[in-house]
Amino acid sequence: MRKCLAVLLLTVCGASAAWGLEKDEILVVYNEDFEGAKALANYYVAKRQIPPEHVLAIRTGCEEHISRAGYLDTIQKPVTSWIDAKGEYDKIKCVLLMRGIPLMVERIDDLKTHEASDQAARVMEPVAQEEKKLTEEKQRLQEQLKKNPAQAPDLDKQIQTLDAKIAEVETRLKPVQEACDKARKTWRESSDQTAASVDSELSVMYMTGHPLVRWLPNWLHYAAWNEPGRAGLPKTFMVCRLDGASDALVRRIIDDSIAAEDKGLEGIAYFDARGLHIPPEGKTDAYHAYDELIRRAAAMVEKTGMKTVLDDRPEVFAPNSCPNAALYCGWYSLMKYVPAFQWTRGAVGIHIASGEAVSLRDPQTQGWCKRMIDEGVAATFGPVSEPFLNSFPDPSPFFAFLLTGKYTVLEAFWYTNPMNSWMLTLIADPLYTPFRKNPKMTVARLKEVLKPHPLRPDLRTAP
């Protein structure tokens, strides 16, 4: 029945990706260096009846961040080696990372740009030295003038000559200084943008030789299902993690996902916009556009009959104001979780802001991903560093995939995530299908939601 319905969806949506992740399509990866990781992997495998041979132990240290070289050597290489050795390239769709595997691949220096910065500095150095000598000579003459005012006519003339020379040198120095500053700025920015979440980087582990600055298009995105450009590309893997501040929280996510799935997720959907309405002339920016997308998502969910609350004020939901929360999407409280919610078992919550998944273990962090897991959500996603707004999924299709009851949270995320080799990470049981027992949306309605949106025609391009 699952595969028949998948064929039906492909027919209706004209898609080339199907729902229905199977247990034997998952590779579970855990870190032998991290205490308790093996037990968590075994717990999940037993609960979800994953084939025991689909478990891979690696050693990658115990930090949440890892260097690019460390990632390639201790994470990507062992995973691709396992897939190749087992002949599972065509079989495995999902790689599940257990608590203890690093979150973020650290930035690297863009060496070419760094060299350009050094070259500009070398060009600037002799001009700067010339200016320094002239300035020092001027200061010497000014000191001499203080001691011997009688020499004023001659010294003043010499100082005026030096001022003219200094002005001429500064004229030559200015464009060189600007070029040097630009090169250094470009180096810093491009270096910052070579970081990525481990999960996002691992999704494109067979795409070798791609630029590390910024991102790649996610070819699993529903808007790309029929694009001819995806033909012949290496496979994109759906990657997520079971993670949190403690082993107990990871077990709770697993147990809550199974319990909610068996019963059917019920509760209230909360959406927190900011009141950034698009002006009548239609000109807008990314912030106004995304605010409108949140309101549209709220209207879509409300039409399914699920009780929905929309807050369209600049402030976020107040503490203890959101009982029985099953779904949540809102913004913007940067790295400052607000305990507004009483989460139902199996709740799915996302907060749109930068760096909300920079750590899932640090007891001091107030990032929304960690704190929502602490407080009871079963699934969430967020960025490990500055992602730009256009990297976040459009909430309407994300929730629409879930509401059909035919898609896991993993599939809903990967079919709406615009970018790979970038910043987002998904924390969820990859088999969790919240509305399997109580679907609230038909496939026909999903087709309407997946139509290209004028506010967001293609978010996989540069901001």
Protein backbone atom coordinates (compact mmCIF):
# COMPACT_ATOMS: atom_id res chain seq x y z
CA MET A 1 0.00 0.00 0.00
CA ARG A 2 2.82 2.46 0.87
CA LYS A 3 4.48 1.98 -2.51
CA CYS A 4 1.15 2.27 -4.36
CA LEU A 5 0.46 5.58 -2.66
CA ALA A 6 3.96 6.69 -3.54
CA VAL A 7 3.25 6.02 -7.21
CA LEU A 8 0.00 7.99 -6.86
CA LEU A 9 1.89 10.98 -5.44
CA LEU A 10 4.42 10.84 -8.23
CA THR A 11 1.59 10.89 -10.75
CA VAL A 12 -0.20 13.79 -9.08
CA CYS A 13 2.85 15.95 -8.37
CA GLY A 14 4.95 15.00 -11.38
CA ALA A 15 7.78 14.23 -8.97
CA SER A 16 10.73 11.94 -9.16
CA ALA A 17 11.08 11.39 -5.40
CA ALA A 18 8.82 9.17 -3.33
CA TRP A 19 7.80 9.06 0.30
CA GLY A 20 8.07 5.99 2.44
CA LEU A 21 11.53 5.61 4.01
CA GLU A 22 12.13 1.97 4.93
CA LYS A 23 14.10 0.61 7.90
CA ASP A 24 16.69 -1.08 5.73
CA GLU A 25 17.40 2.20 3.92
CA ILE A 26 18.97 3.73 7.05
CA LEU A 27 22.63 3.64 8.10
CA VAL A 28 23.12 4.36 11.82
CA VAL A 29 26.50 5.91 12.68
CA TYR A 30 27.85 6.36 16.20
CA ASN A 31 31.08 7.65 17.72
CA GLU A 32 33.07 5.09 19.71
CA ASP A 33 34.99 7.92 21.38
CA PHE A 34 31.80 9.28 22.95
CA GLU A 35 30.60 7.56 26.11
CA GLY A 36 27.10 6.12 25.78
CA ALA A 37 26.89 6.51 21.99
CA LYS A 38 26.95 2.76 21.27
CA ALA A 39 24.16 2.14 23.77
CA LEU A 40 22.05 4.87 22.14
CA ALA A 41 22.62 3.38 18.70
CA ASN A 42 21.62 -0.06 19.96
CA TYR A 43 18.54 1.43 21.64
CA TYR A 44 17.36 3.02 18.41
CA VAL A 45 18.13 -0.04 16.31
CA ALA A 46 16.12 -2.23 18.68
CA LYS A 47 13.18 0.18 18.91
CA ARG A 48 12.92 0.68 15.15
CA GLN A 49 14.11 -2.79 14.12
CA ILE A 50 16.91 -1.47 11.94
CA PRO A 51 19.03 -4.26 10.42
CA PRO A 52 21.92 -4.72 12.89
CA GLU A 53 24.41 -4.81 10.01
CA HIS A 54 23.36 -1.22 9.20
CA VAL A 55 25.32 0.18 12.15
CA LEU A 56 28.73 1.81 11.73
CA ALA A 57 31.13 2.75 14.53
CA ILE A 58 33.59 5.57 13.86
CA ARG A 59 36.09 7.50 16.00
CA THR A 60 35.95 11.26 15.70
CA GLY A 61 36.78 12.79 19.09
CA CYS A 62 34.26 14.25 21.49
CA GLU A 63 33.96 17.91 20.47
CA GLU A 64 30.88 19.41 18.79
CA HIS A 65 33.00 21.18 16.15
CA ILE A 66 35.58 19.49 13.91
CA SER A 67 38.16 20.68 11.38
CA ARG A 68 37.63 20.10 7.66
CA ALA A 69 40.51 17.60 7.60
CA GLY A 70 39.13 15.84 10.66
CA TYR A 71 35.67 15.62 9.11
CA LEU A 72 36.99 14.13 5.88
CA ASP A 73 39.22 11.62 7.64
CA THR A 74 37.06 10.48 10.57
CA ILE A 75 33.48 10.93 9.31
CA GLN A 76 33.09 11.14 5.54
CA LYS A 77 35.76 8.58 4.64
CA PRO A 78 34.50 5.79 6.95
CA VAL A 79 30.88 6.36 5.87
CA THR A 80 31.63 6.22 2.14
CA SER A 81 33.95 3.25 2.71
CA TRP A 82 31.17 1.34 4.47
CA ILE A 83 28.67 2.15 1.71
CA ASP A 84 31.12 1.12 -1.01
CA ALA A 85 32.26 -2.05 0.77
CA LYS A 86 28.69 -3.18 1.40
CA GLY A 87 27.54 -2.22 -2.10
CA GLU A 88 24.78 -0.10 -0.53
CA TYR A 89 25.06 3.08 -2.62
CA ASP A 90 21.71 2.48 -4.31
CA LYS A 91 20.06 1.16 -1.14
CA ILE A 92 20.91 3.61 1.65
CA LYS A 93 18.83 6.78 1.58
CA CYS A 94 19.37 8.06 5.12
CA VAL A 95 22.42 8.43 7.34
CA LEU A 96 21.46 8.81 11.01
CA LEU A 97 24.12 10.35 13.26
CA MET A 98 23.87 9.51 16.96
CA ARG A 99 24.69 11.84 19.84
CA GLY A 100 28.45 12.33 20.11
CA ILE A 101 29.21 12.99 16.45
CA PRO A 102 30.33 16.60 15.80
CA LEU A 103 27.74 19.14 14.68
CA MET A 104 29.82 21.55 12.65
CA VAL A 105 32.69 21.42 10.16
CA GLU A 106 34.81 24.44 11.05
CA ARG A 107 35.71 27.11 8.55
CA ILE A 108 38.93 26.96 6.55
CA ASP A 109 41.04 29.73 5.05
CA ASP A 110 40.45 30.54 1.40
CA LEU A 111 44.16 30.39 0.52
CA LYS A 112 43.90 32.12 -2.86
CA THR A 113 42.13 35.10 -1.35
CA HIS A 114 44.55 35.08 1.56
CA GLU A 115 47.42 35.23 -0.93
CA ALA A 116 45.74 38.20 -2.63
CA SER A 117 45.59 39.93 0.73
CA ASP A 118 49.30 39.29 1.33
CA GLN A 119 50.16 40.51 -2.15
CA ALA A 120 48.24 43.75 -1.58
CA ALA A 121 50.07 44.20 1.71
CA ARG A 122 53.45 43.74 0.00
CA VAL A 123 52.54 46.37 -2.61
CA MET A 124 51.43 48.77 0.10
CA GLU A 125 54.48 48.35 2.34
CA PRO A 126 57.05 50.52 0.48
CA VAL A 127 54.51 53.32 -0.02
CA ALA A 128 53.58 53.17 3.65
CA GLN A 129 57.27 53.27 4.63
CA GLU A 130 57.80 56.33 2.42
CA GLU A 131 54.89 58.09 4.15
CA LYS A 132 56.29 57.13 7.55
CA LYS A 133 59.72 58.65 6.78
CA LEU A 134 58.20 61.89 5.51
CA THR A 135 55.97 62.17 8.56
CA GLU A 136 58.90 61.55 10.91
CA GLU A 137 60.94 64.23 9.11
CA LYS A 138 58.05 66.67 9.46
CA GLN A 139 57.82 65.94 13.19
CA ARG A 140 61.59 66.54 13.54
CA LEU A 141 61.31 69.93 11.83
CA GLN A 142 58.37 70.90 14.00
CA GLU A 143 60.35 70.08 17.14
CA GLN A 144 63.29 72.11 15.79
CA LEU A 145 60.95 75.03 15.15
CA LYS A 146 59.77 74.99 18.78
CA LYS A 147 63.34 75.17 19.99
CA ASN A 148 64.47 77.84 17.45
CA PRO A 149 61.58 80.17 16.51
CA ALA A 150 64.05 82.42 14.72
CA GLN A 151 64.38 79.77 12.00
CA ALA A 152 60.65 79.90 11.29
CA PRO A 153 60.74 81.17 7.67
CA ASP A 154 63.11 78.48 6.50
CA LEU A 155 61.59 75.66 8.59
CA ASP A 156 58.01 76.57 7.61
CA LYS A 157 59.01 76.34 3.95
CA GLN A 158 60.55 72.90 4.50
CA ILE A 159 57.43 71.72 6.39
CA GLN A 160 55.17 72.93 3.58
CA THR A 161 57.29 70.99 1.08
CA LEU A 162 56.98 67.88 3.25
CA ASP A 163 53.20 68.34 3.52
CA ALA A 164 52.95 68.38 -0.27
CA LYS A 165 55.05 65.20 -0.51
CA ILE A 166 52.98 63.47 2.20
CA ALA A 167 49.74 64.41 0.41
CA GLU A 168 51.13 62.98 -2.84
CA VAL A 169 52.13 59.74 -1.11
CA GLU A 170 48.73 59.45 0.57
CA THR A 171 47.09 59.85 -2.83
CA ARG A 172 49.13 56.91 -4.09
CA LEU A 173 48.59 54.94 -0.88
CA LYS A 174 44.78 55.25 -0.71
CA PRO A 175 43.81 52.91 -3.60
CA VAL A 176 46.44 50.38 -2.50
CA GLN A 177 45.05 50.49 1.07
CA GLU A 178 41.50 50.07 -0.23
CA ALA A 179 42.54 47.08 -2.36
CA CYS A 180 44.29 45.52 0.62
CA ASP A 181 41.28 46.05 2.88
CA LYS A 182 38.96 44.60 0.25
CA ALA A 183 41.14 41.51 -0.17
CA ARG A 184 41.28 40.95 3.58
CA LYS A 185 37.52 41.45 3.92
CA THR A 186 36.87 38.98 1.10
CA TRP A 187 39.21 36.51 2.75
CA ARG A 188 37.42 36.80 6.09
CA GLU A 189 33.97 36.48 4.55
CA SER A 190 34.80 33.56 2.28
CA SER A 191 36.63 31.85 5.12
CA ASP A 192 33.57 32.20 7.36
CA GLN A 193 31.41 30.72 4.61
CA THR A 194 33.44 27.52 4.26
CA ALA A 195 31.89 26.19 7.48
CA ALA A 196 28.93 23.81 7.33
CA SER A 197 26.94 21.42 9.44
CA VAL A 198 28.37 17.91 9.43
CA ASP A 199 24.95 16.61 8.39
CA SER A 200 24.64 18.91 5.38
CA GLU A 201 28.20 18.20 4.26
CA LEU A 202 27.67 14.45 4.57
CA SER A 203 24.55 14.63 2.38
CA VAL A 204 26.81 15.40 -0.61
CA MET A 205 29.67 13.09 0.38
CA TYR A 206 29.96 11.70 -3.17
CA MET A 207 30.02 15.15 -4.81
CA THR A 208 33.77 15.72 -4.89
CA GLY A 209 35.55 18.84 -6.06
CA HIS A 210 32.74 21.32 -5.40
CA PRO A 211 33.59 24.81 -4.05
CA LEU A 212 33.51 24.93 -0.26
CA VAL A 213 32.48 28.59 -0.06
CA ARG A 214 28.72 28.87 0.53
CA TRP A 215 26.39 26.12 -0.64
CA LEU A 216 25.18 23.69 -3.27
CA PRO A 217 21.58 23.32 -4.48
CA ASN A 218 19.66 20.55 -2.73
CA TRP A 219 18.62 18.28 -5.57
CA LEU A 220 16.13 16.53 -3.28
CA HIS A 221 14.12 19.77 -3.01
CA TYR A 222 10.64 19.30 -4.49
CA ALA A 223 11.21 22.19 -6.91
CA ALA A 224 14.13 20.26 -8.42
CA TRP A 225 12.41 16.87 -8.84
CA ASN A 226 11.86 17.39 -12.56
CA GLU A 227 14.91 19.53 -13.33
CA PRO A 228 17.05 17.91 -16.04
CA GLY A 229 20.18 19.21 -14.31
CA ARG A 230 19.91 16.61 -11.56
CA ALA A 231 20.27 13.68 -13.97
CA GLY A 232 23.63 11.98 -13.63
CA LEU A 233 24.60 13.82 -10.43
CA PRO A 234 25.96 11.82 -7.50
CA LYS A 235 23.31 10.78 -5.03
CA THR A 236 22.17 13.13 -2.27
CA PHE A 237 21.70 11.39 1.08
CA MET A 238 19.13 12.47 3.65
CA VAL A 239 21.08 13.02 6.88
CA CYS A 240 19.74 13.74 10.36
CA ARG A 241 20.78 13.18 13.94
CA LEU A 242 19.43 12.01 17.27
CA ASP A 243 21.11 14.44 19.62
CA GLY A 244 20.66 16.55 22.69
CA ALA A 245 22.15 17.53 26.02
CA SER A 246 21.90 14.00 27.48
CA ASP A 247 21.42 10.37 26.54
CA ALA A 248 18.08 10.44 28.36
CA LEU A 249 16.81 13.19 26.05
CA VAL A 250 17.75 11.18 22.96
CA ARG A 251 15.88 8.15 24.31
CA ARG A 252 12.93 10.41 25.04
CA ILE A 253 12.91 11.67 21.43
CA ILE A 254 12.87 8.06 20.18
CA ASP A 255 10.13 6.97 22.57
CA ASP A 256 8.00 10.08 21.99
CA SER A 257 8.26 9.72 18.23
CA ILE A 258 7.08 6.12 18.31
CA ALA A 259 4.28 6.86 20.79
CA ALA A 260 3.01 9.92 18.91
CA GLU A 261 3.22 8.10 15.60
CA ASP A 262 1.18 5.16 16.94
CA LYS A 263 -1.50 7.48 18.30
CA GLY A 264 -1.35 10.33 15.81
CA LEU A 265 0.02 13.76 16.72
CA GLU A 266 -2.66 16.00 18.19
CA GLY A 267 -2.58 19.49 19.64
CA ILE A 268 -2.40 23.12 18.59
CA ALA A 269 -0.29 24.62 15.81
CA TYR A 270 1.39 27.89 16.78
CA PHE A 271 2.81 30.37 14.27
CA ASP A 272 4.70 33.47 15.36
CA ALA A 273 5.09 36.13 12.64
CA ARG A 274 6.45 39.63 13.25
CA GLY A 275 3.86 41.86 11.62
CA LEU A 276 6.12 42.61 8.64
CA HIS A 277 3.45 43.02 5.99
CA ILE A 278 4.33 43.51 2.35
CA PRO A 279 3.57 47.11 1.27
CA PRO A 280 0.81 47.75 -1.30
CA GLU A 281 3.29 48.55 -4.09
CA GLY A 282 4.55 44.99 -3.79
CA LYS A 283 8.20 45.83 -3.19
CA THR A 284 9.59 43.72 -0.39
CA ASP A 285 12.72 42.20 1.11
CA ALA A 286 13.51 38.73 2.42
CA TYR A 287 12.28 39.54 5.93
CA HIS A 288 8.84 40.76 4.83
CA ALA A 289 8.59 37.83 2.41
CA TYR A 290 9.39 35.21 5.04
CA ASP A 291 6.99 36.80 7.50
CA GLU A 292 4.29 36.43 4.86
CA LEU A 293 5.27 32.78 4.35
CA ILE A 294 4.72 32.13 8.07
CA ARG A 295 1.25 33.69 7.89
CA ARG A 296 0.44 31.63 4.79
CA ALA A 297 1.58 28.47 6.55
CA ALA A 298 -0.71 29.28 9.48
CA ALA A 299 -3.66 29.75 7.11
CA MET A 300 -2.85 26.48 5.33
CA VAL A 301 -2.72 24.48 8.56
CA GLU A 302 -5.91 26.11 9.87
CA LYS A 303 -7.76 25.00 6.71
CA THR A 304 -6.99 21.37 7.59
CA GLY A 305 -9.13 21.72 10.70
CA MET A 306 -6.20 21.68 13.11
CA LYS A 307 -6.57 24.35 15.78
CA THR A 308 -4.13 27.12 14.85
CA VAL A 309 -2.91 30.22 16.66
CA LEU A 310 -1.16 33.02 14.76
CA ASP A 311 0.63 35.83 16.57
CA ASP A 312 1.35 38.66 14.12
CA ARG A 313 3.04 41.07 16.52
CA PRO A 314 6.76 41.96 16.64
CA GLU A 315 7.11 40.24 20.03
CA VAL A 316 7.49 36.47 20.30
CA PHE A 317 5.00 34.38 22.24
CA ALA A 318 5.11 35.24 25.94
CA PRO A 319 6.24 32.67 28.52
CA ASN A 320 3.64 30.00 29.33
CA SER A 321 1.22 31.27 26.68
CA CYS A 322 1.12 28.24 24.34
CA PRO A 323 -0.45 25.14 25.90
CA ASN A 324 -0.80 21.83 24.07
CA ALA A 325 1.71 22.81 21.36
CA ALA A 326 2.05 20.15 18.65
CA LEU A 327 3.49 22.30 15.83
CA TYR A 328 5.44 25.55 16.00
CA CYS A 329 7.11 27.87 13.54
CA GLY A 330 8.18 31.37 14.47
CA TRP A 331 10.87 33.99 14.81
CA TYR A 332 12.88 36.05 15.99
CA SER A 333 14.61 35.69 19.33
CA LEU A 334 18.28 35.14 18.55
CA MET A 335 19.88 32.48 20.79
CA LYS A 336 17.37 33.28 23.51
CA TYR A 337 14.74 30.59 23.96
CA VAL A 338 11.46 31.78 25.43
CA PRO A 339 9.62 29.06 27.41
CA ALA A 340 6.22 29.84 25.93
CA PHE A 341 5.21 26.25 25.17
CA GLN A 342 3.77 23.22 26.84
CA TRP A 343 4.84 20.67 24.24
CA THR A 344 2.67 17.69 23.43
CA ARG A 345 4.35 14.33 23.04
CA GLY A 346 5.95 14.19 19.59
CA ALA A 347 5.82 17.95 18.95
CA VAL A 348 7.65 19.45 15.95
CA GLY A 349 9.05 22.95 16.50
CA ILE A 350 11.21 25.26 14.39
CA HIS A 351 12.52 28.73 15.20
CA ILE A 352 13.93 30.80 12.35
CA ALA A 353 17.12 32.50 13.55
CA SER A 354 20.89 32.28 13.13
CA GLY A 355 23.04 29.88 15.14
CA GLU A 356 20.21 28.13 16.98
CA ALA A 357 22.03 24.78 16.65
CA VAL A 358 25.55 26.00 17.36
CA SER A 359 25.53 23.60 20.34
CA LEU A 360 23.18 20.87 21.53
CA ARG A 361 25.21 20.02 24.64
CA ASP A 362 26.47 23.26 26.21
CA PRO A 363 24.45 23.73 29.42
CA GLN A 364 24.79 27.50 29.11
CA THR A 365 23.39 27.88 25.59
CA GLN A 366 19.88 29.22 25.12
CA GLY A 367 19.73 28.31 21.43
CA TRP A 368 16.26 27.22 20.39
CA CYS A 369 17.19 23.79 19.08
CA LYS A 370 18.82 22.67 22.31
CA ARG A 371 16.25 24.29 24.56
CA MET A 372 13.26 22.96 22.62
CA ILE A 373 14.73 19.46 22.90
CA ASP A 374 15.29 20.07 26.62
CA GLU A 375 11.66 21.10 27.01
CA GLY A 376 10.02 18.31 25.01
CA VAL A 377 10.00 18.59 21.20
CA ALA A 378 10.65 15.42 19.24
CA ALA A 379 11.87 17.09 16.05
CA THR A 380 13.48 20.41 15.16
CA PHE A 381 16.05 21.89 12.83
CA GLY A 382 18.34 24.91 12.89
CA PRO A 383 21.67 26.33 11.71
CA VAL A 384 25.11 25.78 13.23
CA SER A 385 26.20 29.27 12.10
CA GLU A 386 24.91 32.24 10.06
CA PRO A 387 22.87 30.59 7.27
CA PHE A 388 21.14 33.55 5.54
CA LEU A 389 17.36 33.61 5.58
CA ASN A 390 17.01 32.01 2.18
CA SER A 391 18.47 28.73 3.50
CA PHE A 392 15.41 27.94 5.63
CA PRO A 393 12.59 25.78 4.21
CA ASP A 394 9.31 27.44 3.32
CA PRO A 395 7.10 26.39 6.28
CA SER A 396 3.99 25.73 4.15
CA PRO A 397 5.37 22.79 2.14
CA PHE A 398 7.36 21.54 5.14
CA PHE A 399 4.24 21.19 7.27
CA ALA A 400 2.14 20.10 4.30
CA PHE A 401 4.34 17.06 3.72
CA LEU A 402 3.90 16.13 7.40
CA LEU A 403 0.15 16.70 7.45
CA THR A 404 -0.50 14.16 4.69
CA GLY A 405 0.58 11.45 7.12
CA LYS A 406 2.64 9.86 4.36
CA TYR A 407 6.00 11.54 4.97
CA THR A 408 8.51 11.30 7.77
CA VAL A 409 9.95 14.45 9.31
CA LEU A 410 13.19 13.53 7.55
CA GLU A 411 11.51 13.54 4.14
CA ALA A 412 9.56 16.74 4.85
CA PHE A 413 12.82 18.49 5.73
CA TRP A 414 14.87 17.19 2.82
CA TYR A 415 12.15 17.84 0.25
CA THR A 416 11.92 21.51 1.36
CA ASN A 417 15.51 22.32 2.41
CA PRO A 418 16.93 24.59 -0.32
CA MET A 419 20.67 24.06 0.23
CA ASN A 420 23.32 21.45 0.90
CA SER A 421 26.94 21.77 2.03
CA TRP A 422 25.62 24.54 4.25
CA MET A 423 24.37 25.24 7.78
CA LEU A 424 21.15 23.43 8.72
CA THR A 425 20.93 20.28 10.83
CA LEU A 426 17.81 18.21 11.54
CA ILE A 427 17.35 16.56 14.93
CA ALA A 428 14.70 13.85 14.62
CA ASP A 429 13.97 10.16 14.39
CA PRO A 430 14.20 9.67 10.60
CA LEU A 431 11.23 7.27 10.63
CA TYR A 432 8.95 9.58 12.62
CA THR A 433 5.70 10.15 10.68
CA PRO A 434 3.63 12.36 13.02
CA PHE A 435 0.28 12.24 11.22
CA ARG A 436 0.27 8.67 9.92
CA LYS A 437 -2.74 7.75 12.08
CA ASN A 438 -4.56 11.06 11.66
CA PRO A 439 -3.70 12.64 8.27
CA LYS A 440 -5.04 16.15 7.87
CA MET A 441 -4.22 16.84 4.23
CA THR A 442 -4.88 15.02 0.98
CA VAL A 443 -2.34 14.42 -1.75
CA ALA A 444 -4.41 16.64 -4.05
CA ARG A 445 -4.13 19.51 -1.57
CA LEU A 446 -0.40 18.88 -1.23
CA LYS A 447 -0.09 19.37 -4.98
CA GLU A 448 -1.50 22.88 -4.60
CA VAL A 449 0.87 23.75 -1.78
CA LEU A 450 3.88 22.60 -3.81
CA LYS A 451 3.23 25.02 -6.63
CA PRO A 452 6.02 27.63 -7.05
CA HIS A 453 5.44 30.56 -4.76
CA PRO A 454 5.81 34.11 -6.16
CA LEU A 455 7.42 35.31 -2.93
CA ARG A 456 10.01 32.57 -3.10
CA PRO A 457 10.58 31.25 -6.62
CA ASP A 458 14.01 29.78 -5.94
CA LEU A 459 15.79 30.18 -2.62
CA ARG A 460 18.80 28.14 -3.64
CA THR A 461 20.40 31.20 -5.22
CA ALA A 462 22.60 33.76 -3.49
CA PRO A 463 20.97 36.16 -1.01
